[in-house]
Amino acid sequence: MSDNRFPKTNRLVSESDFSRVYEKGLRLDGGRFVFYLLESQSTTPRIGIVTPKYLGNATKRNRIKRIIRENFRKNKEIFEGFDFIVRPKEDAGNLSNVELGDRFLSDFRASKKVVKNGD
């Protein structure tokens, strides 16, 4: 059951966490998402989700956050070794739930390759 949780250890929660990733991390445009990736010494991945108001009302923004969190939680091994912030682009809200989750994962994988290869 604990596998289905989203504990604080997997979240960027403080302003200093966000600032550190914004300042020291690499900004990458992943297609439907913008990622700020910072390699971490910890194997426990941490995510911060930013959903600006241009994505729509609170219901739409919360739907996007829910889908991102769920895909992060179910695929933690992909994100190991990173602290990162994800910001969906305006057109991300037009995707279905499945498409949004799939694009999040594929865009992250592409961004991760750039960081690992040093391009």
PDB file of N, CA and C in Angstrom:
ATOM      1  N   MET A   1       0.820  -1.201   0.000  1.00  0.00           N
ATOM      2  CA  MET A   1       0.000   0.000   0.000  1.00  0.00           C
ATOM      3  C   MET A   1       0.858   1.258   0.000  1.00  0.00           C
ATOM      4  N   SER A   2       1.978   1.240   0.716  1.00  0.00           N
ATOM      5  CA  SER A   2       2.824   2.431   0.794  1.00  0.00           C
ATOM      6  C   SER A   2       3.373   2.815  -0.575  1.00  0.00           C
ATOM      7  N   ASP A   3       3.398   1.859  -1.517  1.00  0.00           N
ATOM      8  CA  ASP A   3       3.868   2.127  -2.866  1.00  0.00           C
ATOM      9  C   ASP A   3       2.979   3.131  -3.592  1.00  0.00           C
ATOM     10  N   ASN A   4       1.726   3.242  -3.182  1.00  0.00           N
ATOM     11  CA  ASN A   4       0.773   4.115  -3.848  1.00  0.00           C
ATOM     12  C   ASN A   4       0.741   5.521  -3.276  1.00  0.00           C
ATOM     13  N   ARG A   5       1.642   5.826  -2.395  1.00  0.00           N
ATOM     14  CA  ARG A   5       1.647   7.149  -1.777  1.00  0.00           C
ATOM     15  C   ARG A   5       2.561   8.099  -2.528  1.00  0.00           C
ATOM     16  N   PHE A   6       2.408   9.370  -2.213  1.00  0.00           N
ATOM     17  CA  PHE A   6       3.256  10.406  -2.797  1.00  0.00           C
ATOM     18  C   PHE A   6       3.851  11.211  -1.636  1.00  0.00           C
ATOM     19  N   PRO A   7       4.874  10.643  -0.963  1.00  0.00           N
ATOM     20  CA  PRO A   7       5.396  11.253   0.265  1.00  0.00           C
ATOM     21  C   PRO A   7       6.175  12.542   0.006  1.00  0.00           C
ATOM     22  N   LYS A   8       6.367  13.298   1.066  1.00  0.00           N
ATOM     23  CA  LYS A   8       7.114  14.553   0.964  1.00  0.00           C
ATOM     24  C   LYS A   8       8.542  14.334   0.498  1.00  0.00           C
ATOM     25  N   THR A   9       9.079  13.160   0.733  1.00  0.00           N
ATOM     26  CA  THR A   9      10.447  12.886   0.282  1.00  0.00           C
ATOM     27  C   THR A   9      10.553  12.872  -1.234  1.00  0.00           C
ATOM     28  N   ASN A  10       9.425  12.774  -1.937  1.00  0.00           N
ATOM     29  CA  ASN A  10       9.409  12.805  -3.398  1.00  0.00           C
ATOM     30  C   ASN A  10       8.969  14.152  -3.960  1.00  0.00           C
ATOM     31  N   ARG A  11       8.848  15.153  -3.089  1.00  0.00           N
ATOM     32  CA  ARG A  11       8.365  16.463  -3.536  1.00  0.00           C
ATOM     33  C   ARG A  11       9.378  17.553  -3.231  1.00  0.00           C
ATOM     34  N   LEU A  12       9.453  18.523  -4.115  1.00  0.00           N
ATOM     35  CA  LEU A  12      10.151  19.765  -3.802  1.00  0.00           C
ATOM     36  C   LEU A  12       9.117  20.612  -3.081  1.00  0.00           C
ATOM     37  N   VAL A  13       9.365  20.942  -1.820  1.00  0.00           N
ATOM     38  CA  VAL A  13       8.331  21.623  -1.046  1.00  0.00           C
ATOM     39  C   VAL A  13       8.691  23.048  -0.656  1.00  0.00           C
ATOM     40  N   SER A  14       9.951  23.307  -0.396  1.00  0.00           N
ATOM     41  CA  SER A  14      10.310  24.638   0.103  1.00  0.00           C
ATOM     42  C   SER A  14      10.723  25.570  -1.033  1.00  0.00           C
ATOM     43  N   GLU A  15      10.639  26.844  -0.748  1.00  0.00           N
ATOM     44  CA  GLU A  15      11.058  27.850  -1.722  1.00  0.00           C
ATOM     45  C   GLU A  15      12.536  27.672  -2.061  1.00  0.00           C
ATOM     46  N   SER A  16      13.339  27.292  -1.066  1.00  0.00           N
ATOM     47  CA  SER A  16      14.772  27.099  -1.316  1.00  0.00           C
ATOM     48  C   SER A  16      15.017  25.904  -2.245  1.00  0.00           C
ATOM     49  N   ASP A  17      14.194  24.856  -2.147  1.00  0.00           N
ATOM     50  CA  ASP A  17      14.303  23.721  -3.073  1.00  0.00           C
ATOM     51  C   ASP A  17      14.045  24.175  -4.503  1.00  0.00           C
ATOM     52  N   PHE A  18      12.972  24.928  -4.688  1.00  0.00           N
ATOM     53  CA  PHE A  18      12.630  25.418  -6.017  1.00  0.00           C
ATOM     54  C   PHE A  18      13.716  26.353  -6.543  1.00  0.00           C
ATOM     55  N   SER A  19      14.185  27.263  -5.703  1.00  0.00           N
ATOM     56  CA  SER A  19      15.221  28.216  -6.115  1.00  0.00           C
ATOM     57  C   SER A  19      16.491  27.493  -6.545  1.00  0.00           C
ATOM     58  N   ARG A  20      16.887  26.485  -5.794  1.00  0.00           N
ATOM     59  CA  ARG A  20      18.098  25.734  -6.115  1.00  0.00           C
ATOM     60  C   ARG A  20      17.982  25.068  -7.485  1.00  0.00           C
ATOM     61  N   VAL A  21      16.837  24.460  -7.768  1.00  0.00           N
ATOM     62  CA  VAL A  21      16.647  23.797  -9.062  1.00  0.00           C
ATOM     63  C   VAL A  21      16.598  24.829 -10.188  1.00  0.00           C
ATOM     64  N   TYR A  22      15.898  25.950  -9.978  1.00  0.00           N
ATOM     65  CA  TYR A  22      15.836  26.991 -11.001  1.00  0.00           C
ATOM     66  C   TYR A  22      17.218  27.569 -11.295  1.00  0.00           C
ATOM     67  N   GLU A  23      18.006  27.812 -10.249  1.00  0.00           N
ATOM     68  CA  GLU A  23      19.300  28.473 -10.420  1.00  0.00           C
ATOM     69  C   GLU A  23      20.398  27.532 -10.907  1.00  0.00           C
ATOM     70  N   LYS A  24      20.462  26.328 -10.373  1.00  0.00           N
ATOM     71  CA  LYS A  24      21.557  25.416 -10.691  1.00  0.00           C
ATOM     72  C   LYS A  24      21.190  24.370 -11.734  1.00  0.00           C
ATOM     73  N   GLY A  25      19.900  24.198 -11.970  1.00  0.00           N
ATOM     74  CA  GLY A  25      19.453  23.176 -12.903  1.00  0.00           C
ATOM     75  C   GLY A  25      19.522  23.641 -14.345  1.00  0.00           C
ATOM     76  N   LEU A  26      19.319  22.713 -15.228  1.00  0.00           N
ATOM     77  CA  LEU A  26      19.336  22.969 -16.662  1.00  0.00           C
ATOM     78  C   LEU A  26      17.897  23.080 -17.157  1.00  0.00           C
ATOM     79  N   ARG A  27      17.599  24.166 -17.874  1.00  0.00           N
ATOM     80  CA  ARG A  27      16.252  24.372 -18.420  1.00  0.00           C
ATOM     81  C   ARG A  27      16.182  23.707 -19.783  1.00  0.00           C
ATOM     82  N   LEU A  28      15.205  22.828 -19.954  1.00  0.00           N
ATOM     83  CA  LEU A  28      15.047  22.106 -21.212  1.00  0.00           C
ATOM     84  C   LEU A  28      13.601  22.160 -21.672  1.00  0.00           C
ATOM     85  N   ASP A  29      13.435  22.459 -22.947  1.00  0.00           N
ATOM     86  CA  ASP A  29      12.115  22.491 -23.555  1.00  0.00           C
ATOM     87  C   ASP A  29      11.825  21.094 -24.074  1.00  0.00           C
ATOM     88  N   GLY A  30      10.875  20.428 -23.451  1.00  0.00           N
ATOM     89  CA  GLY A  30      10.603  19.044 -23.806  1.00  0.00           C
ATOM     90  C   GLY A  30       9.432  18.842 -24.737  1.00  0.00           C
ATOM     91  N   GLY A  31       8.970  19.843 -25.432  1.00  0.00           N
ATOM     92  CA  GLY A  31       7.823  19.694 -26.323  1.00  0.00           C
ATOM     93  C   GLY A  31       6.583  20.303 -25.713  1.00  0.00           C
ATOM     94  N   ARG A  32       5.839  19.525 -24.941  1.00  0.00           N
ATOM     95  CA  ARG A  32       4.634  20.026 -24.267  1.00  0.00           C
ATOM     96  C   ARG A  32       4.921  20.493 -22.847  1.00  0.00           C
ATOM     97  N   PHE A  33       6.172  20.303 -22.406  1.00  0.00           N
ATOM     98  CA  PHE A  33       6.561  20.655 -21.041  1.00  0.00           C
ATOM     99  C   PHE A  33       7.916  21.347 -21.052  1.00  0.00           C
ATOM    100  N   VAL A  34       8.130  22.187 -20.052  1.00  0.00           N
ATOM    101  CA  VAL A  34       9.450  22.755 -19.803  1.00  0.00           C
ATOM    102  C   VAL A  34       9.949  22.101 -18.521  1.00  0.00           C
ATOM    103  N   PHE A  35      11.168  21.578 -18.574  1.00  0.00           N
ATOM    104  CA  PHE A  35      11.768  20.916 -17.414  1.00  0.00           C
ATOM    105  C   PHE A  35      12.964  21.711 -16.926  1.00  0.00           C
ATOM    106  N   TYR A  36      13.105  21.775 -15.627  1.00  0.00           N
ATOM    107  CA  TYR A  36      14.306  22.291 -14.983  1.00  0.00           C
ATOM    108  C   TYR A  36      14.889  21.093 -14.250  1.00  0.00           C
ATOM    109  N   LEU A  37      15.998  20.561 -14.751  1.00  0.00           N
ATOM    110  CA  LEU A  37      16.569  19.329 -14.213  1.00  0.00           C
ATOM    111  C   LEU A  37      17.861  19.607 -13.466  1.00  0.00           C
ATOM    112  N   LEU A  38      17.968  19.025 -12.295  1.00  0.00           N
ATOM    113  CA  LEU A  38      19.180  19.125 -11.496  1.00  0.00           C
ATOM    114  C   LEU A  38      19.535  17.723 -11.020  1.00  0.00           C
ATOM    115  N   GLU A  39      20.722  17.263 -11.418  1.00  0.00           N
ATOM    116  CA  GLU A  39      21.149  15.945 -10.955  1.00  0.00           C
ATOM    117  C   GLU A  39      21.351  15.991  -9.451  1.00  0.00           C
ATOM    118  N   SER A  40      20.954  14.925  -8.798  1.00  0.00           N
ATOM    119  CA  SER A  40      20.972  14.857  -7.343  1.00  0.00           C
ATOM    120  C   SER A  40      21.866  13.714  -6.880  1.00  0.00           C
ATOM    121  N   GLN A  41      22.453  13.862  -5.702  1.00  0.00           N
ATOM    122  CA  GLN A  41      23.257  12.786  -5.113  1.00  0.00           C
ATOM    123  C   GLN A  41      22.351  11.662  -4.612  1.00  0.00           C
ATOM    124  N   SER A  42      21.136  12.009  -4.290  1.00  0.00           N
ATOM    125  CA  SER A  42      20.176  11.042  -3.767  1.00  0.00           C
ATOM    126  C   SER A  42      19.544  10.253  -4.905  1.00  0.00           C
ATOM    127  N   THR A  43      19.237   8.992  -4.648  1.00  0.00           N
ATOM    128  CA  THR A  43      18.527   8.207  -5.658  1.00  0.00           C
ATOM    129  C   THR A  43      17.030   8.478  -5.605  1.00  0.00           C
ATOM    130  N   THR A  44      16.574   9.119  -4.521  1.00  0.00           N
ATOM    131  CA  THR A  44      15.156   9.437  -4.388  1.00  0.00           C
ATOM    132  C   THR A  44      14.833  10.653  -5.249  1.00  0.00           C
ATOM    133  N   PRO A  45      14.034  10.469  -6.296  1.00  0.00           N
ATOM    134  CA  PRO A  45      13.704  11.612  -7.148  1.00  0.00           C
ATOM    135  C   PRO A  45      12.720  12.545  -6.458  1.00  0.00           C
ATOM    136  N   ARG A  46      12.829  13.836  -6.767  1.00  0.00           N
ATOM    137  CA  ARG A  46      11.889  14.815  -6.207  1.00  0.00           C
ATOM    138  C   ARG A  46      11.360  15.678  -7.347  1.00  0.00           C
ATOM    139  N   ILE A  47      10.064  15.961  -7.300  1.00  0.00           N
ATOM    140  CA  ILE A  47       9.398  16.713  -8.354  1.00  0.00           C
ATOM    141  C   ILE A  47       8.706  17.942  -7.774  1.00  0.00           C
ATOM    142  N   GLY A  48       8.726  19.008  -8.552  1.00  0.00           N
ATOM    143  CA  GLY A  48       7.935  20.196  -8.278  1.00  0.00           C
ATOM    144  C   GLY A  48       7.101  20.462  -9.520  1.00  0.00           C
ATOM    145  N   ILE A  49       5.844  20.746  -9.349  1.00  0.00           N
ATOM    146  CA  ILE A  49       4.949  20.970 -10.490  1.00  0.00           C
ATOM    147  C   ILE A  49       4.446  22.401 -10.434  1.00  0.00           C
ATOM    148  N   VAL A  50       4.631  23.122 -11.536  1.00  0.00           N
ATOM    149  CA  VAL A  50       4.180  24.506 -11.639  1.00  0.00           C
ATOM    150  C   VAL A  50       3.112  24.551 -12.720  1.00  0.00           C
ATOM    151  N   THR A  51       1.914  25.011 -12.358  1.00  0.00           N
ATOM    152  CA  THR A  51       0.823  25.100 -13.335  1.00  0.00           C
ATOM    153  C   THR A  51       0.317  26.540 -13.381  1.00  0.00           C
ATOM    154  N   PRO A  52       0.831  27.325 -14.332  1.00  0.00           N
ATOM    155  CA  PRO A  52       0.427  28.732 -14.444  1.00  0.00           C
ATOM    156  C   PRO A  52      -1.048  28.883 -14.821  1.00  0.00           C
ATOM    157  N   LYS A  53      -1.586  30.047 -14.540  1.00  0.00           N
ATOM    158  CA  LYS A  53      -3.009  30.297 -14.793  1.00  0.00           C
ATOM    159  C   LYS A  53      -3.382  30.257 -16.267  1.00  0.00           C
ATOM    160  N   TYR A  54      -2.396  30.414 -17.165  1.00  0.00           N
ATOM    161  CA  TYR A  54      -2.740  30.362 -18.585  1.00  0.00           C
ATOM    162  C   TYR A  54      -3.210  28.967 -19.001  1.00  0.00           C
ATOM    163  N   LEU A  55      -3.023  27.974 -18.144  1.00  0.00           N
ATOM    164  CA  LEU A  55      -3.496  26.624 -18.445  1.00  0.00           C
ATOM    165  C   LEU A  55      -5.003  26.479 -18.254  1.00  0.00           C
ATOM    166  N   GLY A  56      -5.618  27.442 -17.589  1.00  0.00           N
ATOM    167  CA  GLY A  56      -7.062  27.382 -17.385  1.00  0.00           C
ATOM    168  C   GLY A  56      -7.422  27.575 -15.929  1.00  0.00           C
ATOM    169  N   ASN A  57      -8.664  27.252 -15.627  1.00  0.00           N
ATOM    170  CA  ASN A  57      -9.135  27.431 -14.252  1.00  0.00           C
ATOM    171  C   ASN A  57      -8.525  26.370 -13.330  1.00  0.00           C
ATOM    172  N   ALA A  58      -8.836  26.456 -12.051  1.00  0.00           N
ATOM    173  CA  ALA A  58      -8.235  25.566 -11.052  1.00  0.00           C
ATOM    174  C   ALA A  58      -8.522  24.097 -11.347  1.00  0.00           C
ATOM    175  N   THR A  59      -9.701  23.803 -11.843  1.00  0.00           N
ATOM    176  CA  THR A  59     -10.058  22.420 -12.155  1.00  0.00           C
ATOM    177  C   THR A  59      -9.124  21.851 -13.213  1.00  0.00           C
ATOM    178  N   LYS A  60      -8.869  22.617 -14.264  1.00  0.00           N
ATOM    179  CA  LYS A  60      -7.983  22.160 -15.342  1.00  0.00           C
ATOM    180  C   LYS A  60      -6.548  22.026 -14.851  1.00  0.00           C
ATOM    181  N   ARG A  61      -6.085  22.996 -14.070  1.00  0.00           N
ATOM    182  CA  ARG A  61      -4.710  22.949 -13.554  1.00  0.00           C
ATOM    183  C   ARG A  61      -4.526  21.764 -12.609  1.00  0.00           C
ATOM    184  N   ASN A  62      -5.518  21.511 -11.765  1.00  0.00           N
ATOM    185  CA  ASN A  62      -5.430  20.383 -10.834  1.00  0.00           C
ATOM    186  C   ASN A  62      -5.442  19.043 -11.562  1.00  0.00           C
ATOM    187  N   ARG A  63      -6.197  18.942 -12.643  1.00  0.00           N
ATOM    188  CA  ARG A  63      -6.223  17.723 -13.456  1.00  0.00           C
ATOM    189  C   ARG A  63      -4.832  17.445 -14.015  1.00  0.00           C
ATOM    190  N   ILE A  64      -4.194  18.471 -14.537  1.00  0.00           N
ATOM    191  CA  ILE A  64      -2.847  18.323 -15.096  1.00  0.00           C
ATOM    192  C   ILE A  64      -1.868  17.878 -14.010  1.00  0.00           C
ATOM    193  N   LYS A  65      -1.931  18.516 -12.839  1.00  0.00           N
ATOM    194  CA  LYS A  65      -1.036  18.142 -11.733  1.00  0.00           C
ATOM    195  C   LYS A  65      -1.269  16.697 -11.302  1.00  0.00           C
ATOM    196  N   ARG A  66      -2.526  16.296 -11.223  1.00  0.00           N
ATOM    197  CA  ARG A  66      -2.869  14.933 -10.812  1.00  0.00           C
ATOM    198  C   ARG A  66      -2.269  13.899 -11.772  1.00  0.00           C
ATOM    199  N   ILE A  67      -2.390  14.165 -13.061  1.00  0.00           N
ATOM    200  CA  ILE A  67      -1.874  13.230 -14.065  1.00  0.00           C
ATOM    201  C   ILE A  67      -0.351  13.158 -14.006  1.00  0.00           C
ATOM    202  N   ILE A  68       0.300  14.303 -13.858  1.00  0.00           N
ATOM    203  CA  ILE A  68       1.764  14.320 -13.755  1.00  0.00           C
ATOM    204  C   ILE A  68       2.214  13.564 -12.509  1.00  0.00           C
ATOM    205  N   ARG A  69       1.586  13.846 -11.370  1.00  0.00           N
ATOM    206  CA  ARG A  69       1.951  13.159 -10.120  1.00  0.00           C
ATOM    207  C   ARG A  69       1.782  11.648 -10.245  1.00  0.00           C
ATOM    208  N   GLU A  70       0.671  11.229 -10.834  1.00  0.00           N
ATOM    209  CA  GLU A  70       0.391   9.802 -10.969  1.00  0.00           C
ATOM    210  C   GLU A  70       1.433   9.119 -11.854  1.00  0.00           C
ATOM    211  N   ASN A  71       1.798   9.740 -12.958  1.00  0.00           N
ATOM    212  CA  ASN A  71       2.812   9.160 -13.838  1.00  0.00           C
ATOM    213  C   ASN A  71       4.184   9.159 -13.180  1.00  0.00           C
ATOM    214  N   PHE A  72       4.482  10.180 -12.407  1.00  0.00           N
ATOM    215  CA  PHE A  72       5.732  10.220 -11.648  1.00  0.00           C
ATOM    216  C   PHE A  72       5.758   9.077 -10.631  1.00  0.00           C
ATOM    217  N   ARG A  73       4.674   8.924  -9.897  1.00  0.00           N
ATOM    218  CA  ARG A  73       4.594   7.915  -8.847  1.00  0.00           C
ATOM    219  C   ARG A  73       4.729   6.496  -9.409  1.00  0.00           C
ATOM    220  N   LYS A  74       4.096   6.242 -10.542  1.00  0.00           N
ATOM    221  CA  LYS A  74       4.110   4.900 -11.124  1.00  0.00           C
ATOM    222  C   LYS A  74       5.412   4.572 -11.852  1.00  0.00           C
ATOM    223  N   ASN A  75       6.206   5.589 -12.168  1.00  0.00           N
ATOM    224  CA  ASN A  75       7.428   5.388 -12.958  1.00  0.00           C
ATOM    225  C   ASN A  75       8.648   6.006 -12.289  1.00  0.00           C
ATOM    226  N   LYS A  76       8.738   5.911 -10.977  1.00  0.00           N
ATOM    227  CA  LYS A  76       9.819   6.574 -10.226  1.00  0.00           C
ATOM    228  C   LYS A  76      11.214   6.204 -10.709  1.00  0.00           C
ATOM    229  N   GLU A  77      11.379   4.984 -11.199  1.00  0.00           N
ATOM    230  CA  GLU A  77      12.717   4.556 -11.621  1.00  0.00           C
ATOM    231  C   GLU A  77      13.262   5.410 -12.769  1.00  0.00           C
ATOM    232  N   ILE A  78      12.399   5.955 -13.591  1.00  0.00           N
ATOM    233  CA  ILE A  78      12.821   6.819 -14.697  1.00  0.00           C
ATOM    234  C   ILE A  78      13.442   8.108 -14.169  1.00  0.00           C
ATOM    235  N   PHE A  79      12.956   8.574 -13.035  1.00  0.00           N
ATOM    236  CA  PHE A  79      13.327   9.886 -12.509  1.00  0.00           C
ATOM    237  C   PHE A  79      14.453   9.837 -11.475  1.00  0.00           C
ATOM    238  N   GLU A  80      14.953   8.639 -11.155  1.00  0.00           N
ATOM    239  CA  GLU A  80      15.972   8.500 -10.110  1.00  0.00           C
ATOM    240  C   GLU A  80      17.197   9.353 -10.411  1.00  0.00           C
ATOM    241  N   GLY A  81      17.708   9.994  -9.352  1.00  0.00           N
ATOM    242  CA  GLY A  81      18.912  10.805  -9.481  1.00  0.00           C
ATOM    243  C   GLY A  81      18.658  12.243  -9.886  1.00  0.00           C
ATOM    244  N   PHE A  82      17.389  12.657  -9.907  1.00  0.00           N
ATOM    245  CA  PHE A  82      17.061  14.023 -10.314  1.00  0.00           C
ATOM    246  C   PHE A  82      16.123  14.704  -9.330  1.00  0.00           C
ATOM    247  N   ASP A  83      16.366  15.980  -9.133  1.00  0.00           N
ATOM    248  CA  ASP A  83      15.377  16.902  -8.585  1.00  0.00           C
ATOM    249  C   ASP A  83      14.943  17.700  -9.796  1.00  0.00           C
ATOM    250  N   PHE A  84      13.650  17.859 -10.008  1.00  0.00           N
ATOM    251  CA  PHE A  84      13.233  18.603 -11.194  1.00  0.00           C
ATOM    252  C   PHE A  84      11.899  19.301 -10.991  1.00  0.00           C
ATOM    253  N   ILE A  85      11.735  20.323 -11.802  1.00  0.00           N
ATOM    254  CA  ILE A  85      10.487  21.080 -11.843  1.00  0.00           C
ATOM    255  C   ILE A  85       9.926  20.897 -13.241  1.00  0.00           C
ATOM    256  N   VAL A  86       8.638  20.683 -13.326  1.00  0.00           N
ATOM    257  CA  VAL A  86       7.978  20.559 -14.620  1.00  0.00           C
ATOM    258  C   VAL A  86       6.914  21.648 -14.721  1.00  0.00           C
ATOM    259  N   ARG A  87       6.895  22.320 -15.876  1.00  0.00           N
ATOM    260  CA  ARG A  87       5.882  23.338 -16.144  1.00  0.00           C
ATOM    261  C   ARG A  87       5.240  23.008 -17.490  1.00  0.00           C
ATOM    262  N   PRO A  88       3.973  22.605 -17.475  1.00  0.00           N
ATOM    263  CA  PRO A  88       3.288  22.309 -18.731  1.00  0.00           C
ATOM    264  C   PRO A  88       3.130  23.575 -19.576  1.00  0.00           C
ATOM    265  N   LYS A  89       3.209  23.391 -20.885  1.00  0.00           N
ATOM    266  CA  LYS A  89       2.957  24.509 -21.794  1.00  0.00           C
ATOM    267  C   LYS A  89       1.450  24.631 -22.014  1.00  0.00           C
ATOM    268  N   GLU A  90       1.065  25.729 -22.628  1.00  0.00           N
ATOM    269  CA  GLU A  90      -0.356  26.059 -22.767  1.00  0.00           C
ATOM    270  C   GLU A  90      -1.167  24.962 -23.455  1.00  0.00           C
ATOM    271  N   ASP A  91      -0.611  24.336 -24.490  1.00  0.00           N
ATOM    272  CA  ASP A  91      -1.370  23.330 -25.236  1.00  0.00           C
ATOM    273  C   ASP A  91      -1.445  21.973 -24.526  1.00  0.00           C
ATOM    274  N   ALA A  92      -0.726  21.797 -23.430  1.00  0.00           N
ATOM    275  CA  ALA A  92      -0.765  20.522 -22.697  1.00  0.00           C
ATOM    276  C   ALA A  92      -2.155  20.245 -22.130  1.00  0.00           C
ATOM    277  N   GLY A  93      -2.886  21.278 -21.781  1.00  0.00           N
ATOM    278  CA  GLY A  93      -4.216  21.112 -21.215  1.00  0.00           C
ATOM    279  C   GLY A  93      -5.237  20.569 -22.192  1.00  0.00           C
ATOM    280  N   ASN A  94      -4.920  20.606 -23.492  1.00  0.00           N
ATOM    281  CA  ASN A  94      -5.849  20.116 -24.507  1.00  0.00           C
ATOM    282  C   ASN A  94      -5.734  18.611 -24.745  1.00  0.00           C
ATOM    283  N   LEU A  95      -4.736  17.982 -24.141  1.00  0.00           N
ATOM    284  CA  LEU A  95      -4.528  16.550 -24.340  1.00  0.00           C
ATOM    285  C   LEU A  95      -5.432  15.733 -23.422  1.00  0.00           C
ATOM    286  N   SER A  96      -5.738  14.517 -23.851  1.00  0.00           N
ATOM    287  CA  SER A  96      -6.491  13.606 -22.981  1.00  0.00           C
ATOM    288  C   SER A  96      -5.584  13.180 -21.829  1.00  0.00           C
ATOM    289  N   ASN A  97      -6.164  12.558 -20.826  1.00  0.00           N
ATOM    290  CA  ASN A  97      -5.386  12.121 -19.667  1.00  0.00           C
ATOM    291  C   ASN A  97      -4.250  11.179 -20.069  1.00  0.00           C
ATOM    292  N   VAL A  98      -4.555  10.209 -20.915  1.00  0.00           N
ATOM    293  CA  VAL A  98      -3.546   9.236 -21.345  1.00  0.00           C
ATOM    294  C   VAL A  98      -2.463   9.925 -22.167  1.00  0.00           C
ATOM    295  N   GLU A  99      -2.875  10.773 -23.111  1.00  0.00           N
ATOM    296  CA  GLU A  99      -1.899  11.485 -23.943  1.00  0.00           C
ATOM    297  C   GLU A  99      -0.998  12.377 -23.099  1.00  0.00           C
ATOM    298  N   LEU A 100      -1.586  13.057 -22.134  1.00  0.00           N
ATOM    299  CA  LEU A 100      -0.816  13.951 -21.266  1.00  0.00           C
ATOM    300  C   LEU A 100       0.231  13.161 -20.482  1.00  0.00           C
ATOM    301  N   GLY A 101      -0.165  12.044 -19.914  1.00  0.00           N
ATOM    302  CA  GLY A 101       0.776  11.202 -19.173  1.00  0.00           C
ATOM    303  C   GLY A 101       1.881  10.653 -20.058  1.00  0.00           C
ATOM    304  N   ASP A 102       1.510  10.181 -21.246  1.00  0.00           N
ATOM    305  CA  ASP A 102       2.505   9.639 -22.178  1.00  0.00           C
ATOM    306  C   ASP A 102       3.490  10.710 -22.633  1.00  0.00           C
ATOM    307  N   ARG A 103       2.975  11.897 -22.936  1.00  0.00           N
ATOM    308  CA  ARG A 103       3.855  12.996 -23.373  1.00  0.00           C
ATOM    309  C   ARG A 103       4.778  13.445 -22.253  1.00  0.00           C
ATOM    310  N   PHE A 104       4.271  13.477 -21.023  1.00  0.00           N
ATOM    311  CA  PHE A 104       5.108  13.841 -19.878  1.00  0.00           C
ATOM    312  C   PHE A 104       6.297  12.887 -19.777  1.00  0.00           C
ATOM    313  N   LEU A 105       6.029  11.591 -19.850  1.00  0.00           N
ATOM    314  CA  LEU A 105       7.102  10.602 -19.731  1.00  0.00           C
ATOM    315  C   LEU A 105       8.077  10.674 -20.900  1.00  0.00           C
ATOM    316  N   SER A 106       7.565  10.773 -22.118  1.00  0.00           N
ATOM    317  CA  SER A 106       8.463  10.811 -23.278  1.00  0.00           C
ATOM    318  C   SER A 106       9.272  12.106 -23.320  1.00  0.00           C
ATOM    319  N   ASP A 107       8.661  13.230 -22.972  1.00  0.00           N
ATOM    320  CA  ASP A 107       9.398  14.498 -22.943  1.00  0.00           C
ATOM    321  C   ASP A 107      10.465  14.477 -21.854  1.00  0.00           C
ATOM    322  N   PHE A 108      10.158  13.850 -20.708  1.00  0.00           N
ATOM    323  CA  PHE A 108      11.166  13.759 -19.650  1.00  0.00           C
ATOM    324  C   PHE A 108      12.337  12.887 -20.093  1.00  0.00           C
ATOM    325  N   ARG A 109      12.040  11.751 -20.706  1.00  0.00           N
ATOM    326  CA  ARG A 109      13.117  10.858 -21.169  1.00  0.00           C
ATOM    327  C   ARG A 109      14.044  11.584 -22.143  1.00  0.00           C
ATOM    328  N   ALA A 110      13.461  12.355 -23.059  1.00  0.00           N
ATOM    329  CA  ALA A 110      14.274  13.101 -24.024  1.00  0.00           C
ATOM    330  C   ALA A 110      15.129  14.148 -23.315  1.00  0.00           C
ATOM    331  N   SER A 111      14.559  14.839 -22.343  1.00  0.00           N
ATOM    332  CA  SER A 111      15.303  15.852 -21.593  1.00  0.00           C
ATOM    333  C   SER A 111      16.407  15.210 -20.759  1.00  0.00           C
ATOM    334  N   LYS A 112      16.119  14.065 -20.192  1.00  0.00           N
ATOM    335  CA  LYS A 112      17.101  13.345 -19.372  1.00  0.00           C
ATOM    336  C   LYS A 112      18.309  12.938 -20.216  1.00  0.00           C
ATOM    337  N   LYS A 113      18.067  12.508 -21.455  1.00  0.00           N
ATOM    338  CA  LYS A 113      19.166  12.131 -22.351  1.00  0.00           C
ATOM    339  C   LYS A 113      20.087  13.312 -22.605  1.00  0.00           C
ATOM    340  N   VAL A 114      19.514  14.491 -22.780  1.00  0.00           N
ATOM    341  CA  VAL A 114      20.317  15.692 -23.017  1.00  0.00           C
ATOM    342  C   VAL A 114      21.224  15.955 -21.825  1.00  0.00           C
ATOM    343  N   VAL A 115      20.681  15.841 -20.618  1.00  0.00           N
ATOM    344  CA  VAL A 115      21.474  16.078 -19.402  1.00  0.00           C
ATOM    345  C   VAL A 115      22.569  15.022 -19.272  1.00  0.00           C
ATOM    346  N   LYS A 116      22.229  13.771 -19.482  1.00  0.00           N
ATOM    347  CA  LYS A 116      23.201  12.681 -19.331  1.00  0.00           C
ATOM    348  C   LYS A 116      24.310  12.754 -20.380  1.00  0.00           C
ATOM    349  N   ASN A 117      23.972  13.188 -21.600  1.00  0.00           N
ATOM    350  CA  ASN A 117      24.966  13.284 -22.672  1.00  0.00           C
ATOM    351  C   ASN A 117      25.749  14.583 -22.632  1.00  0.00           C
ATOM    352  N   GLY A 118      25.267  15.539 -21.845  1.00  0.00           N
ATOM    353  CA  GLY A 118      25.964  16.812 -21.728  1.00  0.00           C
ATOM    354  C   GLY A 118      25.819  17.716 -22.936  1.00  0.00           C
ATOM    355  N   ASP A 119      24.776  17.508 -23.735  1.00  0.00           N
ATOM    356  CA  ASP A 119      24.567  18.341 -24.941  1.00  0.00           C
ATOM    357  C   ASP A 119      24.035  19.699 -24.583  1.00  0.00           C
TER     358      ASP A 119
END
